[in-house]
């Protein structure tokens, strides 16, 4: 029998930690105490069913998405499929590319439906779903490398902005990547959308065939992975400034296209100390003011 999900308040007494198998969430709600408590109860009730629901449709969710792919039944799985469908005609992508963002969205929806909250967030390993009521804002940290605890800058999100989802992808992160980006952070209207688009952009920051890049078939690292025989990046050696520029330009070209068609709002692409910000002065809500510590999301 699968162990029960672990649900507990963190020592600060403000944030809720939800853990079940590969899902690990940090949740925080703001507002009157009774409203926050109600939202945490709703999050907990919804959370204990999420992993089993996903596992029941895992075979479908690990299949490459196509325009004719059947729709799954579960709410989280349907969020995942909706996020990756726009990429199906052109790119290899499976619904699993949006799982972290979709789970974060689902738990946040349960919270907001149960409590009157001015602000709330669900952070699923750096993929974040946000709730902001009128005149509220969040400050969100952007990492240059997911495996480091330093920030390259912050993003201030206002209630009037359309962004409600943030996601980061790259070869140094917790998931496999086909590209060589240290990190690609995307802001989008929904967390699942940000998750899928960050995956696509990170995969295209690349130098195919470069001898300094070590790649291994995903199946060798994780036999039941949805990428199967596709080569995923395991190490990136030193690249010249020109090579870094070439790889970032390839990813930025895709990011600009996604921005134009409305799939993302902004993106930051990082590789070996260099960063590209995609989004015009009025479009982007990313900044680059250094901070001393990593704060995934805070007021």
Protein backbone atom coordinates (compact mmCIF):
# COMPACT_ATOMS: atom_id res chain seq x y z
CA UNK A 1 0.00 0.00 0.00
CA UNK A 2 1.29 3.47 -0.89
CA UNK A 3 2.33 5.50 2.19
CA UNK A 4 -0.03 8.27 3.08
CA UNK A 5 0.76 11.76 1.87
CA UNK A 6 2.75 13.85 4.33
CA UNK A 7 1.08 17.13 5.27
CA UNK A 8 2.48 19.52 7.87
CA UNK A 9 2.96 23.16 8.70
CA UNK A 10 6.55 24.28 8.43
CA UNK A 11 8.30 25.63 11.55
CA UNK A 12 7.47 29.23 10.57
CA UNK A 13 3.80 28.41 11.17
CA UNK A 14 2.80 30.13 7.93
CA UNK A 15 3.62 27.73 5.12
CA UNK A 16 2.19 24.30 4.45
CA UNK A 17 4.35 21.43 3.18
CA UNK A 18 2.63 18.74 1.08
CA UNK A 19 4.64 15.70 0.02
CA UNK A 20 3.60 12.53 -1.77
CA UNK A 21 6.08 10.48 -3.80
CA UNK A 22 7.64 12.77 -6.43
CA UNK A 23 5.32 15.68 -5.59
CA UNK A 24 6.70 18.19 -3.10
CA UNK A 25 4.80 21.44 -2.57
CA UNK A 26 5.31 24.53 -0.47
CA UNK A 27 2.05 26.41 -0.02
CA UNK A 28 1.40 29.81 1.50
CA UNK A 29 -1.81 31.78 1.78
CA UNK A 30 -2.32 35.30 3.10
CA UNK A 31 -5.39 36.79 4.75
CA UNK A 32 -7.54 36.30 7.83
CA UNK A 33 -6.48 33.27 9.85
CA UNK A 34 -9.79 31.44 9.48
CA UNK A 35 -9.67 31.93 5.69
CA UNK A 36 -6.09 30.69 5.51
CA UNK A 37 -6.96 27.65 7.64
CA UNK A 38 -9.92 26.83 5.39
CA UNK A 39 -7.71 27.09 2.30
CA UNK A 40 -5.08 24.80 3.83
CA UNK A 41 -7.71 22.20 4.69
CA UNK A 42 -8.99 22.29 1.11
CA UNK A 43 -5.46 21.98 -0.26
CA UNK A 44 -4.80 18.97 1.94
CA UNK A 45 -8.02 17.21 0.97
CA UNK A 46 -7.37 17.72 -2.72
CA UNK A 47 -3.69 16.82 -2.49
CA UNK A 48 -4.09 13.30 -1.13
CA UNK A 49 -5.85 12.20 -4.34
CA UNK A 50 -3.61 13.84 -6.92
CA UNK A 51 -0.84 11.26 -7.26
CA UNK A 52 -3.21 8.29 -7.55
CA UNK A 53 -5.22 10.13 -10.20
CA UNK A 54 -2.10 10.82 -12.24
CA UNK A 55 -0.81 7.27 -11.88
CA UNK A 56 -4.11 5.89 -13.18
CA UNK A 57 -3.49 7.64 -16.52
CA UNK A 58 0.29 7.53 -16.58
CA UNK A 59 0.52 5.47 -19.78
CA UNK A 60 -1.31 8.17 -21.73
CA UNK A 61 0.54 11.04 -20.04
CA UNK A 62 3.91 9.58 -21.02
CA UNK A 63 3.00 9.33 -24.70
CA UNK A 64 4.17 12.04 -27.13
CA UNK A 65 1.38 14.55 -27.58
CA UNK A 66 -0.26 14.80 -30.99
CA UNK A 67 -3.10 16.93 -32.29
CA UNK A 68 -5.31 13.83 -32.20
CA UNK A 69 -4.20 12.62 -28.77
CA UNK A 70 -7.16 11.56 -26.62
CA UNK A 71 -7.98 13.72 -23.64
CA UNK A 72 -7.34 12.22 -20.19
CA UNK A 73 -10.06 12.09 -17.56
CA UNK A 74 -8.47 13.61 -14.44
CA UNK A 75 -8.51 17.35 -13.78
CA UNK A 76 -4.74 17.65 -13.36
CA UNK A 77 -4.08 15.45 -16.38
CA UNK A 78 -6.39 17.59 -18.50
CA UNK A 79 -4.51 20.72 -17.41
CA UNK A 80 -1.31 19.00 -18.53
CA UNK A 81 -2.70 18.03 -21.93
CA UNK A 82 -4.11 21.52 -22.56
CA UNK A 83 -0.70 23.05 -21.84
CA UNK A 84 1.25 20.86 -24.28
CA UNK A 85 -1.29 20.56 -27.13
CA UNK A 86 -0.19 23.83 -28.80
CA UNK A 87 3.28 22.36 -29.33
CA UNK A 88 2.18 18.99 -30.72
CA UNK A 89 2.30 19.91 -34.45
CA UNK A 90 5.96 20.93 -34.32
CA UNK A 91 7.77 19.59 -31.25
CA UNK A 92 8.26 16.39 -29.32
CA UNK A 93 6.51 16.89 -25.99
CA UNK A 94 4.51 14.74 -23.61
CA UNK A 95 1.93 15.92 -21.07
CA UNK A 96 4.51 15.16 -18.36
CA UNK A 97 6.28 18.36 -19.42
CA UNK A 98 3.53 20.28 -17.62
CA UNK A 99 2.93 18.06 -14.61
CA UNK A 100 4.56 20.27 -11.95
CA UNK A 101 2.75 23.39 -13.05
CA UNK A 102 -0.56 21.58 -13.44
CA UNK A 103 -0.38 20.13 -9.92
CA UNK A 104 0.43 23.57 -8.51
CA UNK A 105 -2.57 25.05 -10.35
CA UNK A 106 -4.92 22.37 -9.08
CA UNK A 107 -3.97 22.82 -5.43
CA UNK A 108 -4.15 26.60 -5.72
CA UNK A 109 -7.64 26.35 -7.25
CA UNK A 110 -8.79 24.28 -4.26
CA UNK A 111 -7.38 26.87 -1.87
CA UNK A 112 -8.94 29.87 -3.57
CA UNK A 113 -12.33 28.17 -3.76
CA UNK A 114 -12.31 27.53 0.00
CA UNK A 115 -10.95 30.78 1.40
CA UNK A 116 -11.15 34.51 0.72
CA UNK A 117 -7.46 35.13 0.09
CA UNK A 118 -5.82 38.35 -1.09
CA UNK A 119 -2.71 36.38 -2.10
CA UNK A 120 -1.57 32.77 -2.27
CA UNK A 121 0.97 30.63 -4.04
CA UNK A 122 1.81 26.97 -4.56
CA UNK A 123 5.47 26.26 -5.29
CA UNK A 124 6.10 22.85 -6.82
CA UNK A 125 9.89 22.64 -6.93
CA UNK A 126 10.20 26.08 -8.52
CA UNK A 127 7.14 25.84 -10.76
CA UNK A 128 4.74 28.27 -9.15
CA UNK A 129 1.02 29.01 -9.41
CA UNK A 130 -0.05 32.41 -8.07
CA UNK A 131 -3.25 34.01 -6.85
CA UNK A 132 -3.45 37.80 -6.59
CA UNK A 133 -6.54 39.83 -5.81
CA UNK A 134 -6.87 43.54 -6.66
CA UNK A 135 -3.92 45.79 -5.75
CA UNK A 136 -1.80 42.88 -4.47
CA UNK A 137 1.66 41.84 -5.66
CA UNK A 138 4.37 39.21 -5.27
CA UNK A 139 8.13 39.46 -5.63
CA UNK A 140 9.54 36.29 -7.17
CA UNK A 141 13.19 35.28 -7.34
CA UNK A 142 14.79 34.11 -10.61
CA UNK A 143 17.59 31.55 -10.42
CA UNK A 144 20.50 31.49 -12.83
CA UNK A 145 21.13 27.82 -12.03
CA UNK A 146 18.55 25.55 -10.34
CA UNK A 147 21.31 23.66 -8.50
CA UNK A 148 22.61 26.84 -6.83
CA UNK A 149 20.99 28.87 -4.04
CA UNK A 150 21.77 32.29 -5.48
CA UNK A 151 19.46 34.56 -7.45
CA UNK A 152 20.26 36.50 -10.59
CA UNK A 153 17.34 38.84 -10.00
CA UNK A 154 13.71 39.30 -9.07
CA UNK A 155 10.36 39.67 -10.75
CA UNK A 156 7.59 41.82 -9.32
CA UNK A 157 4.14 40.59 -10.28
CA UNK A 158 1.14 42.88 -9.80
CA UNK A 159 -2.52 41.89 -9.76
CA UNK A 160 -3.02 43.86 -12.97
CA UNK A 161 -0.44 41.70 -14.77
CA UNK A 162 -1.80 38.62 -16.56
CA UNK A 163 0.93 36.34 -15.21
CA UNK A 164 -0.21 33.67 -12.78
CA UNK A 165 2.37 30.99 -13.55
CA UNK A 166 6.14 30.72 -13.38
CA UNK A 167 8.31 27.74 -14.33
CA UNK A 168 11.99 26.96 -14.79
CA UNK A 169 13.59 24.26 -16.93
CA UNK A 170 17.17 23.34 -17.81
CA UNK A 171 19.66 20.49 -17.77
CA UNK A 172 20.73 21.29 -14.19
CA UNK A 173 17.18 21.04 -12.88
CA UNK A 174 15.31 18.11 -11.37
CA UNK A 175 13.93 16.96 -14.74
CA UNK A 176 15.73 15.87 -17.89
CA UNK A 177 16.39 18.35 -20.70
CA UNK A 178 17.28 17.86 -24.35
CA UNK A 179 19.12 21.20 -24.39
CA UNK A 180 22.04 22.80 -22.58
CA UNK A 181 20.47 25.83 -20.85
CA UNK A 182 21.43 26.16 -17.20
CA UNK A 183 17.97 27.61 -16.64
CA UNK A 184 15.05 28.95 -18.64
CA UNK A 185 12.47 30.78 -16.56
CA UNK A 186 9.12 31.55 -18.17
CA UNK A 187 6.22 33.72 -17.05
CA UNK A 188 2.82 32.80 -18.45
CA UNK A 189 -0.85 33.14 -17.68
CA UNK A 190 -0.98 29.70 -16.06
CA UNK A 191 1.60 27.56 -14.28
CA UNK A 192 1.04 24.55 -16.55
CA UNK A 193 1.55 26.76 -19.62
CA UNK A 194 4.76 28.17 -18.15
CA UNK A 195 5.97 24.65 -17.39
CA UNK A 196 5.40 23.37 -20.92
CA UNK A 197 6.90 26.42 -22.63
CA UNK A 198 9.97 26.45 -20.36
CA UNK A 199 10.59 22.85 -21.40
CA UNK A 200 10.30 23.69 -25.10
CA UNK A 201 12.57 26.73 -24.90
CA UNK A 202 15.19 24.96 -22.75
CA UNK A 203 15.29 22.07 -25.24
CA UNK A 204 16.14 24.48 -28.05
CA UNK A 205 19.02 26.20 -26.26
CA UNK A 206 21.49 23.80 -27.80
CA UNK A 207 24.62 23.09 -29.85
CA UNK A 208 23.86 19.75 -31.52
CA UNK A 209 26.89 17.49 -31.83
CA UNK A 210 29.21 19.66 -29.77
CA UNK A 211 32.04 17.52 -28.28
CA UNK A 212 31.90 19.25 -24.88
CA UNK A 213 28.31 18.15 -24.28
CA UNK A 214 27.65 14.76 -22.68
CA UNK A 215 24.31 13.16 -23.48
CA UNK A 216 22.79 9.88 -22.36
CA UNK A 217 19.61 8.08 -23.37
CA UNK A 218 16.93 8.95 -20.82
CA UNK A 219 16.00 5.27 -20.46
CA UNK A 220 19.49 4.50 -19.13
CA UNK A 221 19.00 6.95 -16.29
CA UNK A 222 15.35 6.21 -15.58
CA UNK A 223 13.86 3.18 -17.35
CA UNK A 224 10.25 4.37 -17.21
CA UNK A 225 10.95 7.97 -18.24
CA UNK A 226 8.71 9.52 -20.89
CA UNK A 227 11.74 10.57 -22.99
CA UNK A 228 12.82 6.93 -23.46
CA UNK A 229 15.66 6.69 -25.99
CA UNK A 230 16.03 10.42 -26.49
CA UNK A 231 19.39 11.83 -25.47
CA UNK A 232 19.29 14.07 -22.41
CA UNK A 233 22.08 16.39 -21.30
CA UNK A 234 24.25 15.25 -18.42
CA UNK A 235 27.22 17.63 -18.62
CA UNK A 236 28.23 20.75 -20.52
CA UNK A 237 31.91 21.63 -20.74
CA UNK A 238 33.41 25.03 -21.35
CA UNK A 239 31.91 26.88 -24.31
CA UNK A 240 33.35 29.88 -26.07
CA UNK A 241 31.52 33.19 -25.90
CA UNK A 242 30.46 32.72 -29.50
CA UNK A 243 29.07 29.24 -28.80
CA UNK A 244 27.13 30.48 -25.76
CA UNK A 245 25.71 33.27 -27.88
CA UNK A 246 24.73 30.81 -30.62
CA UNK A 247 22.92 28.48 -28.19
CA UNK A 248 21.09 31.30 -26.42
CA UNK A 249 20.07 32.86 -29.72
CA UNK A 250 18.51 29.56 -30.81
CA UNK A 251 16.39 29.43 -27.66
CA UNK A 252 15.56 33.14 -27.76
CA UNK A 253 14.26 32.76 -31.32
CA UNK A 254 11.73 30.20 -30.09
CA UNK A 255 10.87 32.30 -27.02
CA UNK A 256 10.18 35.36 -29.18
CA UNK A 257 7.86 33.29 -31.33
CA UNK A 258 5.95 31.99 -28.30
CA UNK A 259 5.70 35.55 -27.03
CA UNK A 260 4.26 36.77 -30.32
CA UNK A 261 1.53 34.12 -30.39
CA UNK A 262 0.61 34.65 -26.76
CA UNK A 263 1.82 31.41 -25.18
CA UNK A 264 4.22 33.20 -22.82
CA UNK A 265 4.56 36.69 -21.34
CA UNK A 266 8.31 36.78 -20.74
CA UNK A 267 11.35 34.53 -20.48
CA UNK A 268 14.91 34.57 -19.17
CA UNK A 269 17.44 32.15 -20.70
CA UNK A 270 20.75 31.49 -18.90
CA UNK A 271 23.88 29.63 -20.00
CA UNK A 272 27.34 29.79 -18.43
CA UNK A 273 26.87 33.21 -16.89
CA UNK A 274 25.12 34.82 -19.86
CA UNK A 275 21.41 35.67 -19.90
CA UNK A 276 18.86 36.62 -22.55
CA UNK A 277 15.63 38.37 -21.56
CA UNK A 278 12.78 37.96 -24.03
CA UNK A 279 10.03 40.56 -23.84
CA UNK A 280 9.88 44.25 -24.74
CA UNK A 281 10.05 47.08 -22.23
CA UNK A 282 6.30 47.08 -21.80
CA UNK A 283 5.84 43.34 -22.14
CA UNK A 284 8.45 41.98 -19.80
CA UNK A 285 8.08 42.06 -16.02
CA UNK A 286 11.49 40.59 -15.34
CA UNK A 287 14.28 42.57 -13.72
CA UNK A 288 17.86 41.74 -12.89
CA UNK A 289 18.58 43.19 -9.46
CA UNK A 290 20.92 40.78 -7.61
CA UNK A 291 19.90 39.34 -4.25
CA UNK A 292 21.99 37.51 -1.68
CA UNK A 293 19.74 34.50 -1.15
CA UNK A 294 17.21 32.41 -3.00
CA UNK A 295 13.62 33.30 -2.18
CA UNK A 296 11.35 31.48 -4.65
CA UNK A 297 8.38 33.70 -3.85
CA UNK A 298 7.77 36.23 -1.13
CA UNK A 299 5.81 39.39 -0.38
